[in-house]
Amino acid sequence: MGGEDEDEGEHDGDSGRGRRAILRPHPAAARDLLTRENPFTLCNRRLEAMGGVPIDW
């Protein structure tokens, strides 16, 4: 995995709604993991880019 978060893409689950996932390295790879953007901040930024409302984590 590179230095950027990878988007797994859209998936249709049992509910039929599209879902997205942000893939991250395992926490044991702390050097690679800790250099990345906070996943909650990243999620909110992507939600806003899709026209959604950010989550108040």
N, C-alpha and C. Protein backbone atom coordinates (compact mmCIF):
# COMPACT_ATOMS: atom_id res chain seq x y z
N MET A 1 0.84 -1.17 0.00
CA MET A 1 0.00 0.00 0.00
C MET A 1 0.89 1.23 0.00
N GLY A 2 0.52 2.25 -0.73
CA GLY A 2 1.31 3.46 -0.83
C GLY A 2 1.05 4.41 0.32
N GLY A 3 1.42 5.66 0.15
CA GLY A 3 1.28 6.65 1.20
C GLY A 3 -0.08 7.30 1.26
N GLU A 4 -0.97 6.96 0.34
CA GLU A 4 -2.29 7.56 0.34
C GLU A 4 -3.32 6.50 0.68
N ASP A 5 -4.47 6.97 1.20
CA ASP A 5 -5.56 6.05 1.49
C ASP A 5 -6.15 5.58 0.18
N GLU A 6 -6.50 4.31 0.14
CA GLU A 6 -7.07 3.75 -1.07
C GLU A 6 -8.56 3.54 -0.86
N ASP A 7 -9.33 3.91 -1.84
CA ASP A 7 -10.78 3.75 -1.79
C ASP A 7 -11.12 2.43 -2.45
N GLU A 8 -11.78 1.56 -1.70
CA GLU A 8 -12.10 0.24 -2.20
C GLU A 8 -13.17 0.30 -3.28
N GLY A 9 -14.00 1.32 -3.28
CA GLY A 9 -15.04 1.45 -4.28
C GLY A 9 -16.42 1.23 -3.70
N GLU A 10 -17.41 1.28 -4.58
CA GLU A 10 -18.80 1.14 -4.14
C GLU A 10 -19.20 -0.33 -4.13
N HIS A 11 -19.99 -0.68 -3.15
CA HIS A 11 -20.48 -2.04 -3.03
C HIS A 11 -21.95 -2.00 -2.67
N ASP A 12 -22.72 -2.91 -3.24
CA ASP A 12 -24.12 -3.03 -2.87
C ASP A 12 -24.23 -4.14 -1.84
N GLY A 13 -24.67 -3.77 -0.66
CA GLY A 13 -24.86 -4.76 0.40
C GLY A 13 -26.28 -5.29 0.37
N ASP A 14 -26.69 -5.94 1.43
CA ASP A 14 -28.03 -6.50 1.52
C ASP A 14 -29.10 -5.41 1.44
N SER A 15 -28.76 -4.19 1.89
CA SER A 15 -29.73 -3.11 1.88
C SER A 15 -29.91 -2.51 0.49
N GLY A 16 -28.99 -2.82 -0.44
CA GLY A 16 -29.09 -2.28 -1.79
C GLY A 16 -28.52 -0.88 -1.93
N ARG A 17 -28.00 -0.31 -0.86
CA ARG A 17 -27.42 1.03 -0.91
C ARG A 17 -25.93 0.92 -1.18
N GLY A 18 -25.38 1.83 -2.01
CA GLY A 18 -23.95 1.83 -2.29
C GLY A 18 -23.16 2.15 -1.03
N ARG A 19 -22.03 1.53 -0.87
CA ARG A 19 -21.17 1.76 0.29
C ARG A 19 -19.75 1.99 -0.19
N ARG A 20 -18.98 2.73 0.56
CA ARG A 20 -17.59 2.98 0.23
C ARG A 20 -16.74 2.62 1.44
N ALA A 21 -15.52 2.22 1.19
CA ALA A 21 -14.61 1.85 2.27
C ALA A 21 -13.26 2.52 2.04
N ILE A 22 -12.62 2.91 3.11
CA ILE A 22 -11.28 3.47 3.06
C ILE A 22 -10.34 2.40 3.60
N LEU A 23 -9.42 1.94 2.76
CA LEU A 23 -8.49 0.89 3.17
C LEU A 23 -7.27 1.51 3.82
N ARG A 24 -6.82 0.92 4.90
CA ARG A 24 -5.67 1.39 5.65
C ARG A 24 -4.74 0.22 5.93
N PRO A 25 -3.45 0.50 6.13
CA PRO A 25 -2.54 -0.58 6.53
C PRO A 25 -2.87 -1.05 7.95
N HIS A 26 -2.42 -2.23 8.28
CA HIS A 26 -2.63 -2.77 9.63
C HIS A 26 -1.92 -1.88 10.64
N PRO A 27 -2.49 -1.68 11.83
CA PRO A 27 -1.85 -0.84 12.86
C PRO A 27 -0.43 -1.27 13.23
N ALA A 28 -0.07 -2.52 12.98
CA ALA A 28 1.29 -2.96 13.27
C ALA A 28 2.30 -2.23 12.38
N ALA A 29 1.82 -1.72 11.25
CA ALA A 29 2.67 -0.93 10.35
C ALA A 29 2.51 0.54 10.73
N ALA A 30 2.80 0.86 11.99
CA ALA A 30 2.53 2.19 12.55
C ALA A 30 3.18 3.32 11.76
N ARG A 31 4.37 3.15 11.28
CA ARG A 31 5.06 4.22 10.55
C ARG A 31 4.23 4.63 9.33
N ASP A 32 3.70 3.66 8.62
CA ASP A 32 2.89 3.95 7.44
C ASP A 32 1.51 4.48 7.84
N LEU A 33 0.93 3.92 8.87
CA LEU A 33 -0.42 4.29 9.30
C LEU A 33 -0.46 5.70 9.89
N LEU A 34 0.48 6.03 10.75
CA LEU A 34 0.44 7.31 11.46
C LEU A 34 0.78 8.52 10.59
N THR A 35 1.30 8.30 9.40
CA THR A 35 1.59 9.42 8.51
C THR A 35 0.37 9.82 7.68
N ARG A 36 -0.71 9.11 7.82
CA ARG A 36 -1.92 9.37 7.04
C ARG A 36 -2.89 10.28 7.77
N GLU A 37 -3.81 10.86 6.98
CA GLU A 37 -4.83 11.73 7.54
C GLU A 37 -5.72 10.96 8.52
N ASN A 38 -6.20 11.65 9.54
CA ASN A 38 -7.13 11.07 10.50
C ASN A 38 -8.31 10.49 9.71
N PRO A 39 -8.68 9.21 9.95
CA PRO A 39 -9.75 8.60 9.15
C PRO A 39 -11.11 9.27 9.32
N PHE A 40 -11.38 9.86 10.48
CA PHE A 40 -12.66 10.54 10.69
C PHE A 40 -12.71 11.83 9.88
N THR A 41 -11.60 12.55 9.85
CA THR A 41 -11.51 13.76 9.04
C THR A 41 -11.62 13.42 7.56
N LEU A 42 -10.93 12.37 7.15
CA LEU A 42 -10.98 11.93 5.76
C LEU A 42 -12.40 11.55 5.36
N CYS A 43 -13.08 10.82 6.22
CA CYS A 43 -14.46 10.41 5.95
C CYS A 43 -15.36 11.63 5.76
N ASN A 44 -15.26 12.60 6.66
CA ASN A 44 -16.09 13.79 6.56
C ASN A 44 -15.77 14.58 5.30
N ARG A 45 -14.50 14.68 4.94
CA ARG A 45 -14.13 15.40 3.73
C ARG A 45 -14.74 14.72 2.50
N ARG A 46 -14.71 13.40 2.47
CA ARG A 46 -15.28 12.67 1.33
C ARG A 46 -16.80 12.75 1.32
N LEU A 47 -17.43 12.73 2.49
CA LEU A 47 -18.88 12.89 2.55
C LEU A 47 -19.29 14.25 1.98
N GLU A 48 -18.58 15.31 2.38
CA GLU A 48 -18.88 16.64 1.87
C GLU A 48 -18.68 16.72 0.36
N ALA A 49 -17.63 16.07 -0.15
CA ALA A 49 -17.37 16.09 -1.59
C ALA A 49 -18.49 15.39 -2.37
N MET A 50 -19.16 14.43 -1.72
CA MET A 50 -20.26 13.72 -2.37
C MET A 50 -21.60 14.42 -2.12
N GLY A 51 -21.56 15.59 -1.46
CA GLY A 51 -22.79 16.34 -1.19
C GLY A 51 -23.48 15.93 0.09
N GLY A 52 -22.80 15.14 0.92
CA GLY A 52 -23.38 14.68 2.17
C GLY A 52 -23.09 15.62 3.32
N VAL A 53 -23.67 15.32 4.43
CA VAL A 53 -23.48 16.10 5.66
C VAL A 53 -22.41 15.40 6.50
N PRO A 54 -21.40 16.16 6.97
CA PRO A 54 -20.35 15.55 7.80
C PRO A 54 -20.94 14.97 9.09
N ILE A 55 -20.27 13.95 9.60
CA ILE A 55 -20.69 13.30 10.85
C ILE A 55 -20.00 14.01 12.01
N ASP A 56 -20.74 14.28 13.07
CA ASP A 56 -20.16 14.89 14.28
C ASP A 56 -19.64 13.75 15.16
N TRP A 57 -18.41 13.29 14.86
CA TRP A 57 -17.83 12.17 15.58
C TRP A 57 -17.70 12.51 17.03
